[in-house]
C-alpha atoms as a PDB file:
ATOM      1  CA  UNK A   1     -23.941-131.811  -4.402  1.00  0.00           C
ATOM      2  CA  UNK A   2     -27.294-130.543  -5.611  1.00  0.00           C
ATOM      3  CA  UNK A   3     -29.374-132.930  -3.222  1.00  0.00           C
ATOM      4  CA  UNK A   4     -28.791-135.822  -0.870  1.00  0.00           C
ATOM      5  CA  UNK A   5     -28.821-139.136  -2.594  1.00  0.00           C
ATOM      6  CA  UNK A   6     -29.753-142.576  -1.400  1.00  0.00           C
ATOM      7  CA  UNK A   7     -27.218-145.114  -0.548  1.00  0.00           C
ATOM      8  CA  UNK A   8     -28.759-147.781  -2.772  1.00  0.00           C
ATOM      9  CA  UNK A   9     -28.714-147.905  -6.619  1.00  0.00           C
ATOM     10  CA  UNK A  10     -32.313-147.552  -8.012  1.00  0.00           C
ATOM     11  CA  UNK A  11     -31.535-150.251 -10.417  1.00  0.00           C
ATOM     12  CA  UNK A  12     -29.033-152.908  -9.869  1.00  0.00           C
ATOM     13  CA  UNK A  13     -25.933-152.495 -12.281  1.00  0.00           C
ATOM     14  CA  UNK A  14     -25.690-154.458 -15.379  1.00  0.00           C
ATOM     15  CA  UNK A  15     -21.903-154.546 -15.234  1.00  0.00           C
ATOM     16  CA  UNK A  16     -19.328-153.950 -12.331  1.00  0.00           C
ATOM     17  CA  UNK A  17     -15.747-152.708 -12.475  1.00  0.00           C
ATOM     18  CA  UNK A  18     -13.089-151.235 -10.362  1.00  0.00           C
ATOM     19  CA  UNK A  19     -11.190-148.267 -11.709  1.00  0.00           C
ATOM     20  CA  UNK A  20      -7.670-147.487 -10.705  1.00  0.00           C
ATOM     21  CA  UNK A  21      -4.075-146.983 -11.946  1.00  0.00           C
ATOM     22  CA  UNK A  22      -2.390-149.415 -11.500  1.00  0.00           C
ATOM     23  CA  UNK A  23      -5.292-151.857 -10.770  1.00  0.00           C
ATOM     24  CA  UNK A  24      -4.011-155.408 -11.907  1.00  0.00           C
ATOM     25  CA  UNK A  25      -3.239-156.247  -8.310  1.00  0.00           C
ATOM     26  CA  UNK A  26      -6.777-155.714  -6.943  1.00  0.00           C
ATOM     27  CA  UNK A  27      -8.606-158.704  -5.420  1.00  0.00           C
ATOM     28  CA  UNK A  28     -11.953-156.944  -5.732  1.00  0.00           C
ATOM     29  CA  UNK A  29     -12.739-158.863  -9.045  1.00  0.00           C
ATOM     30  CA  UNK A  30     -12.212-162.264  -7.453  1.00  0.00           C
ATOM     31  CA  UNK A  31     -13.943-161.278  -4.309  1.00  0.00           C
ATOM     32  CA  UNK A  32     -17.111-159.815  -5.982  1.00  0.00           C
ATOM     33  CA  UNK A  33     -17.166-162.427  -8.937  1.00  0.00           C
ATOM     34  CA  UNK A  34     -17.325-165.056  -6.027  1.00  0.00           C
ATOM     35  CA  UNK A  35     -20.219-163.322  -4.522  1.00  0.00           C
ATOM     36  CA  UNK A  36     -22.095-162.832  -7.698  1.00  0.00           C
ATOM     37  CA  UNK A  37     -21.680-166.561  -8.504  1.00  0.00           C
ATOM     38  CA  UNK A  38     -22.775-167.620  -5.124  1.00  0.00           C
ATOM     39  CA  UNK A  39     -25.890-165.534  -5.359  1.00  0.00           C
ATOM     40  CA  UNK A  40     -26.816-166.341  -8.940  1.00  0.00           C
ATOM     41  CA  UNK A  41     -26.367-162.771 -10.221  1.00  0.00           C
ATOM     42  CA  UNK A  42     -25.606-162.155 -13.813  1.00  0.00           C
ATOM     43  CA  UNK A  43     -23.122-159.215 -13.830  1.00  0.00           C
ATOM     44  CA  UNK A  44     -19.411-159.818 -14.039  1.00  0.00           C
ATOM     45  CA  UNK A  45     -16.794-157.662 -12.340  1.00  0.00           C
ATOM     46  CA  UNK A  46     -13.603-156.524 -14.127  1.00  0.00           C
ATOM     47  CA  UNK A  47     -10.633-154.361 -13.401  1.00  0.00           C
ATOM     48  CA  UNK A  48     -10.204-151.310 -15.545  1.00  0.00           C
ATOM     49  CA  UNK A  49      -6.779-149.478 -15.615  1.00  0.00           C
ATOM     50  CA  UNK A  50      -7.559-145.782 -16.096  1.00  0.00           C
ATOM     51  CA  UNK A  51      -5.178-143.110 -16.327  1.00  0.00           C
ATOM     52  CA  UNK A  52      -6.149-139.751 -14.693  1.00  0.00           C
ATOM     53  CA  UNK A  53      -6.741-137.942 -17.985  1.00  0.00           C
ATOM     54  CA  UNK A  54      -8.865-140.778 -19.197  1.00  0.00           C
ATOM     55  CA  UNK A  55     -11.187-140.809 -16.096  1.00  0.00           C
ATOM     56  CA  UNK A  56     -13.972-138.649 -17.577  1.00  0.00           C
ATOM     57  CA  UNK A  57     -14.135-140.569 -20.857  1.00  0.00           C
ATOM     58  CA  UNK A  58     -14.255-143.929 -19.058  1.00  0.00           C
ATOM     59  CA  UNK A  59     -16.973-142.963 -16.680  1.00  0.00           C
ATOM     60  CA  UNK A  60     -19.224-141.709 -19.715  1.00  0.00           C
ATOM     61  CA  UNK A  61     -18.735-144.984 -21.260  1.00  0.00           C
ATOM     62  CA  UNK A  62     -19.693-146.915 -18.004  1.00  0.00           C
ATOM     63  CA  UNK A  63     -22.656-144.828 -17.669  1.00  0.00           C
ATOM     64  CA  UNK A  64     -24.062-146.007 -21.070  1.00  0.00           C
ATOM     65  CA  UNK A  65     -23.621-149.513 -19.913  1.00  0.00           C
ATOM     66  CA  UNK A  66     -25.269-148.921 -16.399  1.00  0.00           C
ATOM     67  CA  UNK A  67     -22.107-149.966 -14.673  1.00  0.00           C
ATOM     68  CA  UNK A  68     -21.354-149.767 -11.003  1.00  0.00           C
ATOM     69  CA  UNK A  69     -18.260-150.690  -9.121  1.00  0.00           C
ATOM     70  CA  UNK A  70     -15.291-149.418  -6.973  1.00  0.00           C
ATOM     71  CA  UNK A  71     -12.705-146.593  -7.204  1.00  0.00           C
ATOM     72  CA  UNK A  72      -9.200-147.025  -5.928  1.00  0.00           C
ATOM     73  CA  UNK A  73      -5.845-145.138  -6.067  1.00  0.00           C
ATOM     74  CA  UNK A  74      -5.514-142.630  -7.565  1.00  0.00           C
ATOM     75  CA  UNK A  75      -9.056-141.755  -8.361  1.00  0.00           C
ATOM     76  CA  UNK A  76     -11.118-141.624  -5.185  1.00  0.00           C
ATOM     77  CA  UNK A  77     -11.045-137.792  -4.751  1.00  0.00           C
ATOM     78  CA  UNK A  78     -11.313-137.182  -8.496  1.00  0.00           C
ATOM     79  CA  UNK A  79     -14.545-139.222  -8.745  1.00  0.00           C
ATOM     80  CA  UNK A  80     -15.917-137.373  -5.651  1.00  0.00           C
ATOM     81  CA  UNK A  81     -15.487-134.181  -7.543  1.00  0.00           C
ATOM     82  CA  UNK A  82     -17.489-135.495 -10.526  1.00  0.00           C
ATOM     83  CA  UNK A  83     -20.252-137.583  -8.889  1.00  0.00           C
ATOM     84  CA  UNK A  84     -23.479-136.814  -7.193  1.00  0.00           C
ATOM     85  CA  UNK A  85     -22.283-137.834  -3.655  1.00  0.00           C
ATOM     86  CA  UNK A  86     -24.104-139.539  -0.885  1.00  0.00           C
ATOM     87  CA  UNK A  87     -24.005-137.696   2.433  1.00  0.00           C
ATOM     88  CA  UNK A  88     -21.166-139.899   3.479  1.00  0.00           C
ATOM     89  CA  UNK A  89     -19.050-139.419   0.526  1.00  0.00           C
ATOM     90  CA  UNK A  90     -19.804-135.663   0.661  1.00  0.00           C
ATOM     91  CA  UNK A  91     -18.478-135.704   4.267  1.00  0.00           C
ATOM     92  CA  UNK A  92     -15.449-137.867   3.369  1.00  0.00           C
ATOM     93  CA  UNK A  93     -14.698-136.007   0.116  1.00  0.00           C
ATOM     94  CA  UNK A  94     -13.676-139.375  -1.549  1.00  0.00           C
ATOM     95  CA  UNK A  95     -15.608-142.038  -3.267  1.00  0.00           C
ATOM     96  CA  UNK A  96     -14.836-145.746  -3.370  1.00  0.00           C
ATOM     97  CA  UNK A  97     -18.134-147.144  -4.557  1.00  0.00           C
ATOM     98  CA  UNK A  98     -20.155-145.829  -7.468  1.00  0.00           C
ATOM     99  CA  UNK A  99     -23.311-146.772  -9.608  1.00  0.00           C
ATOM    100  CA  UNK A 100     -25.340-144.883 -12.340  1.00  0.00           C
ATOM    101  CA  UNK A 101     -28.981-144.142 -11.762  1.00  0.00           C
ATOM    102  CA  UNK A 102     -30.701-143.210 -15.144  1.00  0.00           C
ATOM    103  CA  UNK A 103     -27.299-142.143 -16.413  1.00  0.00           C
ATOM    104  CA  UNK A 104     -26.268-140.093 -13.343  1.00  0.00           C
ATOM    105  CA  UNK A 105     -23.178-141.020 -11.547  1.00  0.00           C
ATOM    106  CA  UNK A 106     -23.669-141.527  -7.875  1.00  0.00           C
ATOM    107  CA  UNK A 107     -20.687-141.859  -5.548  1.00  0.00           C
ATOM    108  CA  UNK A 108     -20.648-143.308  -2.130  1.00  0.00           C
ATOM    109  CA  UNK A 109     -18.129-144.337   0.469  1.00  0.00           C
ATOM    110  CA  UNK A 110     -17.888-147.803   2.128  1.00  0.00           C
ATOM    111  CA  UNK A 111     -14.249-147.414   3.291  1.00  0.00           C
ATOM    112  CA  UNK A 112     -15.664-145.793   6.475  1.00  0.00           C
ATOM    113  CA  UNK A 113     -17.629-148.828   7.297  1.00  0.00           C
ATOM    114  CA  UNK A 114     -14.654-151.146   6.586  1.00  0.00           C
ATOM    115  CA  UNK A 115     -12.252-149.017   8.619  1.00  0.00           C
ATOM    116  CA  UNK A 116     -14.581-148.810  11.548  1.00  0.00           C
ATOM    117  CA  UNK A 117     -15.173-152.616  11.675  1.00  0.00           C
ATOM    118  CA  UNK A 118     -11.456-153.257  11.346  1.00  0.00           C
ATOM    119  CA  UNK A 119     -10.491-150.849  14.166  1.00  0.00           C
ATOM    120  CA  UNK A 120     -13.256-151.947  16.492  1.00  0.00           C
ATOM    121  CA  UNK A 121     -12.132-155.673  16.020  1.00  0.00           C
ATOM    122  CA  UNK A 122      -8.281-154.881  16.477  1.00  0.00           C
ATOM    123  CA  UNK A 123      -8.579-152.655  19.524  1.00  0.00           C
ATOM    124  CA  UNK A 124      -8.840-154.214  23.062  1.00  0.00           C
ATOM    125  CA  UNK A 125      -9.947-150.801  24.597  1.00  0.00           C
ATOM    126  CA  UNK A 126     -12.622-148.320  23.519  1.00  0.00           C
ATOM    127  CA  UNK A 127     -11.210-146.070  20.806  1.00  0.00           C
ATOM    128  CA  UNK A 128     -12.690-142.916  22.438  1.00  0.00           C
ATOM    129  CA  UNK A 129     -10.074-143.362  25.178  1.00  0.00           C
ATOM    130  CA  UNK A 130      -7.075-143.738  22.676  1.00  0.00           C
ATOM    131  CA  UNK A 131      -4.477-141.527  21.131  1.00  0.00           C
ATOM    132  CA  UNK A 132      -4.392-142.390  17.562  1.00  0.00           C
ATOM    133  CA  UNK A 133      -1.884-141.589  14.742  1.00  0.00           C
ATOM    134  CA  UNK A 134      -2.874-141.588  10.954  1.00  0.00           C
ATOM    135  CA  UNK A 135      -0.157-141.705   8.440  1.00  0.00           C
ATOM    136  CA  UNK A 136      -1.291-140.061   5.112  1.00  0.00           C
ATOM    137  CA  UNK A 137      -3.688-137.376   4.051  1.00  0.00           C
ATOM    138  CA  UNK A 138      -5.409-138.662   0.911  1.00  0.00           C
ATOM    139  CA  UNK A 139      -8.817-140.219   0.286  1.00  0.00           C
ATOM    140  CA  UNK A 140      -8.118-143.353   2.476  1.00  0.00           C
ATOM    141  CA  UNK A 141      -6.982-141.201   5.498  1.00  0.00           C
ATOM    142  CA  UNK A 142     -10.105-139.214   5.095  1.00  0.00           C
ATOM    143  CA  UNK A 143     -12.171-142.314   5.434  1.00  0.00           C
ATOM    144  CA  UNK A 144     -10.216-143.388   8.343  1.00  0.00           C
ATOM    145  CA  UNK A 145     -10.482-140.004  10.195  1.00  0.00           C
ATOM    146  CA  UNK A 146     -14.277-140.169   9.775  1.00  0.00           C
ATOM    147  CA  UNK A 147     -14.321-143.686  11.242  1.00  0.00           C
ATOM    148  CA  UNK A 148     -12.241-142.575  14.209  1.00  0.00           C
ATOM    149  CA  UNK A 149     -14.408-139.664  14.810  1.00  0.00           C
ATOM    150  CA  UNK A 150     -17.477-141.705  14.596  1.00  0.00           C
ATOM    151  CA  UNK A 151     -15.925-144.263  17.047  1.00  0.00           C
ATOM    152  CA  UNK A 152     -15.433-141.268  19.437  1.00  0.00           C
ATOM    153  CA  UNK A 153     -11.661-140.627  19.166  1.00  0.00           C
ATOM    154  CA  UNK A 154     -10.819-137.026  19.902  1.00  0.00           C
ATOM    155  CA  UNK A 155      -6.939-137.189  20.071  1.00  0.00           C
ATOM    156  CA  UNK A 156      -5.430-137.797  16.579  1.00  0.00           C
ATOM    157  CA  UNK A 157      -2.152-136.896  15.079  1.00  0.00           C
ATOM    158  CA  UNK A 158      -1.640-136.878  11.290  1.00  0.00           C
ATOM    159  CA  UNK A 159       1.504-137.053   9.355  1.00  0.00           C
ATOM    160  CA  UNK A 160       1.962-136.617   5.726  1.00  0.00           C
ATOM    161  CA  UNK A 161       4.642-135.743   3.142  1.00  0.00           C
ATOM    162  CA  UNK A 162       2.564-132.365   2.765  1.00  0.00           C
ATOM    163  CA  UNK A 163       1.887-130.763   6.060  1.00  0.00           C
ATOM    164  CA  UNK A 164      -0.338-128.339   4.213  1.00  0.00           C
ATOM    165  CA  UNK A 165      -2.331-131.149   2.735  1.00  0.00           C
ATOM    166  CA  UNK A 166      -2.894-132.722   6.187  1.00  0.00           C
ATOM    167  CA  UNK A 167      -3.973-129.190   7.608  1.00  0.00           C
ATOM    168  CA  UNK A 168      -6.533-128.772   4.809  1.00  0.00           C
ATOM    169  CA  UNK A 169      -7.919-132.278   5.482  1.00  0.00           C
ATOM    170  CA  UNK A 170      -8.508-131.657   9.059  1.00  0.00           C
ATOM    171  CA  UNK A 171     -10.170-128.328   8.305  1.00  0.00           C
ATOM    172  CA  UNK A 172     -12.349-129.873   5.747  1.00  0.00           C
ATOM    173  CA  UNK A 173     -13.350-132.836   7.908  1.00  0.00           C
ATOM    174  CA  UNK A 174     -13.557-130.613  11.321  1.00  0.00           C
ATOM    175  CA  UNK A 175     -12.065-133.537  13.170  1.00  0.00           C
ATOM    176  CA  UNK A 176     -10.057-133.168  16.468  1.00  0.00           C
ATOM    177  CA  UNK A 177      -6.654-133.783  15.135  1.00  0.00           C
ATOM    178  CA  UNK A 178      -3.393-131.995  14.763  1.00  0.00           C
ATOM    179  CA  UNK A 179      -0.444-132.211  12.203  1.00  0.00           C
ATOM    180  CA  UNK A 180       2.711-133.830  13.397  1.00  0.00           C
ATOM    181  CA  UNK A 181       6.071-133.094  11.673  1.00  0.00           C
ATOM    182  CA  UNK A 182       6.905-136.696  11.024  1.00  0.00           C
ATOM    183  CA  UNK A 183       5.609-140.159  11.203  1.00  0.00           C
ATOM    184  CA  UNK A 184       7.760-140.832  14.204  1.00  0.00           C
ATOM    185  CA  UNK A 185       6.269-137.746  15.973  1.00  0.00           C
ATOM    186  CA  UNK A 186       2.742-138.828  15.118  1.00  0.00           C
ATOM    187  CA  UNK A 187       3.297-142.153  16.570  1.00  0.00           C
ATOM    188  CA  UNK A 188       4.893-140.870  19.806  1.00  0.00           C
ATOM    189  CA  UNK A 189       2.375-141.863  22.618  1.00  0.00           C
ATOM    190  CA  UNK A 190      -0.122-143.338  20.231  1.00  0.00           C
ATOM    191  CA  UNK A 191      -2.237-146.268  21.233  1.00  0.00           C
ATOM    192  CA  UNK A 192      -3.121-146.947  17.625  1.00  0.00           C
ATOM    193  CA  UNK A 193      -1.228-146.290  14.455  1.00  0.00           C
ATOM    194  CA  UNK A 194      -2.862-146.489  11.182  1.00  0.00           C
ATOM    195  CA  UNK A 195      -1.045-146.484   7.771  1.00  0.00           C
ATOM    196  CA  UNK A 196      -3.218-144.895   5.115  1.00  0.00           C
ATOM    197  CA  UNK A 197      -0.474-144.486   2.659  1.00  0.00           C
ATOM    198  CA  UNK A 198       0.390-146.876  -0.321  1.00  0.00           C
ATOM    199  CA  UNK A 199       3.846-147.583   1.313  1.00  0.00           C
ATOM    200  CA  UNK A 200       4.362-151.363   1.311  1.00  0.00           C
ATOM    201  CA  UNK A 201       2.203-152.056  -1.544  1.00  0.00           C
ATOM    202  CA  UNK A 202       4.855-152.954  -4.207  1.00  0.00           C
ATOM    203  CA  UNK A 203       7.857-153.737  -1.766  1.00  0.00           C
ATOM    204  CA  UNK A 204       8.848-154.385   1.798  1.00  0.00           C
ATOM    205  CA  UNK A 205       9.252-150.651   2.545  1.00  0.00           C
ATOM    206  CA  UNK A 206       7.595-149.612   5.857  1.00  0.00           C
ATOM    207  CA  UNK A 207       5.922-146.356   6.748  1.00  0.00           C
ATOM    208  CA  UNK A 208       7.447-146.280  10.389  1.00  0.00           C
ATOM    209  CA  UNK A 209      10.086-148.143  12.041  1.00  0.00           C
ATOM    210  CA  UNK A 210       8.778-150.568  14.653  1.00  0.00           C
ATOM    211  CA  UNK A 211      11.140-149.037  17.126  1.00  0.00           C
ATOM    212  CA  UNK A 212       8.986-145.865  16.960  1.00  0.00           C
ATOM    213  CA  UNK A 213       5.862-147.579  18.284  1.00  0.00           C
ATOM    214  CA  UNK A 214       4.840-147.226  21.852  1.00  0.00           C
ATOM    215  CA  UNK A 215       4.854-150.534  23.924  1.00  0.00           C
ATOM    216  CA  UNK A 216       1.317-152.116  23.456  1.00  0.00           C
ATOM    217  CA  UNK A 217       0.582-150.052  20.484  1.00  0.00           C
ATOM    218  CA  UNK A 218      -1.948-151.566  17.956  1.00  0.00           C
ATOM    219  CA  UNK A 219      -1.207-151.274  14.311  1.00  0.00           C
ATOM    220  CA  UNK A 220      -3.467-151.094  11.251  1.00  0.00           C
ATOM    221  CA  UNK A 221      -2.025-151.093   7.815  1.00  0.00           C
ATOM    222  CA  UNK A 222      -4.475-150.415   5.049  1.00  0.00           C
ATOM    223  CA  UNK A 223      -2.213-151.887   2.511  1.00  0.00           C
ATOM    224  CA  UNK A 224      -2.906-155.648   2.046  1.00  0.00           C
ATOM    225  CA  UNK A 225      -0.522-158.359   0.321  1.00  0.00           C
ATOM    226  CA  UNK A 226      -0.400-161.970   0.206  1.00  0.00           C
ATOM    227  CA  UNK A 227       1.309-163.089   3.417  1.00  0.00           C
ATOM    228  CA  UNK A 228       0.625-159.647   4.909  1.00  0.00           C
ATOM    229  CA  UNK A 229       2.749-156.565   4.532  1.00  0.00           C
ATOM    230  CA  UNK A 230       6.362-156.409   5.806  1.00  0.00           C
ATOM    231  CA  UNK A 231       5.265-153.771   8.307  1.00  0.00           C
ATOM    232  CA  UNK A 232       2.498-155.885   9.854  1.00  0.00           C
ATOM    233  CA  UNK A 233       4.757-158.931  10.233  1.00  0.00           C
ATOM    234  CA  UNK A 234       7.475-156.816  11.917  1.00  0.00           C
ATOM    235  CA  UNK A 235       5.084-155.155  14.205  1.00  0.00           C
ATOM    236  CA  UNK A 236       3.635-158.602  15.241  1.00  0.00           C
ATOM    237  CA  UNK A 237       7.136-160.073  15.653  1.00  0.00           C
ATOM    238  CA  UNK A 238       7.703-157.387  18.279  1.00  0.00           C
ATOM    239  CA  UNK A 239       4.586-158.157  20.270  1.00  0.00           C
ATOM    240  CA  UNK A 240       2.096-155.519  18.759  1.00  0.00           C
ATOM    241  CA  UNK A 241      -1.424-156.368  17.776  1.00  0.00           C
ATOM    242  CA  UNK A 242      -1.329-155.733  14.001  1.00  0.00           C
ATOM    243  CA  UNK A 243      -3.643-156.305  11.099  1.00  0.00           C
ATOM    244  CA  UNK A 244      -3.262-155.385   7.312  1.00  0.00           C
ATOM    245  CA  UNK A 245      -6.077-154.097   5.085  1.00  0.00           C
ATOM    246  CA  UNK A 246      -7.601-157.491   4.182  1.00  0.00           C
ATOM    247  CA  UNK A 247     -10.357-157.361   6.740  1.00  0.00           C
ATOM    248  CA  UNK A 248     -11.378-153.716   5.636  1.00  0.00           C
ATOM    249  CA  UNK A 249     -11.370-155.047   2.087  1.00  0.00           C
ATOM    250  CA  UNK A 250     -13.923-157.574   2.903  1.00  0.00           C
ATOM    251  CA  UNK A 251     -16.116-155.157   5.101  1.00  0.00           C
ATOM    252  CA  UNK A 252     -16.113-152.277   2.554  1.00  0.00           C
ATOM    253  CA  UNK A 253     -16.808-154.782  -0.236  1.00  0.00           C
ATOM    254  CA  UNK A 254     -19.787-156.300   1.556  1.00  0.00           C
ATOM    255  CA  UNK A 255     -21.078-152.855   2.133  1.00  0.00           C
ATOM    256  CA  UNK A 256     -20.539-151.950  -1.552  1.00  0.00           C
ATOM    257  CA  UNK A 257     -22.458-155.050  -2.691  1.00  0.00           C
ATOM    258  CA  UNK A 258     -25.368-154.152  -0.637  1.00  0.00           C
ATOM    259  CA  UNK A 259     -25.447-150.761  -2.323  1.00  0.00           C
ATOM    260  CA  UNK A 260     -25.640-152.367  -5.781  1.00  0.00           C
ATOM    261  CA  UNK A 261     -27.979-155.296  -5.071  1.00  0.00           C
ATOM    262  CA  UNK A 262     -29.548-154.723  -1.680  1.00  0.00           C
ATOM    263  CA  UNK A 263     -27.974-157.750   0.100  1.00  0.00           C
ATOM    264  CA  UNK A 264     -24.796-158.356   1.705  1.00  0.00           C
ATOM    265  CA  UNK A 265     -22.986-161.683   0.606  1.00  0.00           C
ATOM    266  CA  UNK A 266     -21.669-164.025   3.272  1.00  0.00           C
ATOM    267  CA  UNK A 267     -18.215-162.876   4.512  1.00  0.00           C
ATOM    268  CA  UNK A 268     -16.638-166.255   4.024  1.00  0.00           C
ATOM    269  CA  UNK A 269     -17.516-166.145   0.211  1.00  0.00           C
ATOM    270  CA  UNK A 270     -15.939-162.897  -0.110  1.00  0.00           C
ATOM    271  CA  UNK A 271     -12.797-163.972   1.809  1.00  0.00           C
ATOM    272  CA  UNK A 272     -12.489-167.226  -0.339  1.00  0.00           C
ATOM    273  CA  UNK A 273     -12.853-165.256  -3.487  1.00  0.00           C
ATOM    274  CA  UNK A 274     -10.316-162.680  -2.538  1.00  0.00           C
ATOM    275  CA  UNK A 275      -7.893-165.257  -1.484  1.00  0.00           C
ATOM    276  CA  UNK A 276      -8.141-167.347  -4.541  1.00  0.00           C
ATOM    277  CA  UNK A 277      -6.387-164.766  -6.794  1.00  0.00           C
ATOM    278  CA  UNK A 278      -2.690-165.383  -7.415  1.00  0.00           C
ATOM    279  CA  UNK A 279       0.075-162.957  -7.142  1.00  0.00           C
ATOM    280  CA  UNK A 280       2.085-161.405  -4.133  1.00  0.00           C
ATOM    281  CA  UNK A 281       0.774-157.793  -4.297  1.00  0.00           C
ATOM    282  CA  UNK A 282      -2.777-157.250  -3.470  1.00  0.00           C
ATOM    283  CA  UNK A 283      -3.428-153.516  -2.913  1.00  0.00           C
ATOM    284  CA  UNK A 284      -5.370-150.995  -0.852  1.00  0.00           C
ATOM    285  CA  UNK A 285      -9.279-150.993  -0.165  1.00  0.00           C
END
């Protein structure tokens, strides 16, 4: 990044979009279009399915239209490598919110704010006294780790299919964490377990068996689906406090909207819009 950039668009976007692959399941268009309508703003928000090799071309087209929007799997880290990043996006190494100022692509991260708010609401005890486990080592996991660090957590275990990738993530973020050999090992002794993988997005697969959770452990699944994910339902049935990624979707969406237009829409408007969409598969923030 050649210089720090502001966390507000200089000029409100003329169009809005979410970029991902796949992306049809996203509730962001319903959520943001409800807010745009409520506030009487002209732009419309659409979902654009973008294959990885098409990303540069699509972003160039969006720049010409002064488009802002969001980024989801699998493009968060790729957009971070292309964009002029805000200080927070630079720190996380992943972008979920973007806009164009005078043709220049600006990348920001509101996932951290969404994760922080969700964790704070979920946990009964201060996070700085907790042992936490994070499953995954991608862009979503990076945002969660930054949120945990900002909340004061210094005891974090990370599991990933690639231990080397998890190690690189810890080194890059400079967080107090260590790599566990498996999800089960990461969850051992953890007061809070966070799924930052896409497991459970398309089916009822779970990232970790409920039997491996400590008694009283809280669970945060970044995946969100209509009727909640199977993992959240199973955890709650066994007496665990558990929440899926829907509250994070709302919180990060409100923060992104403020980046584009300088105002946060009411949460109930975003919630109603996000829940109005049909289908069983929702997505990840």
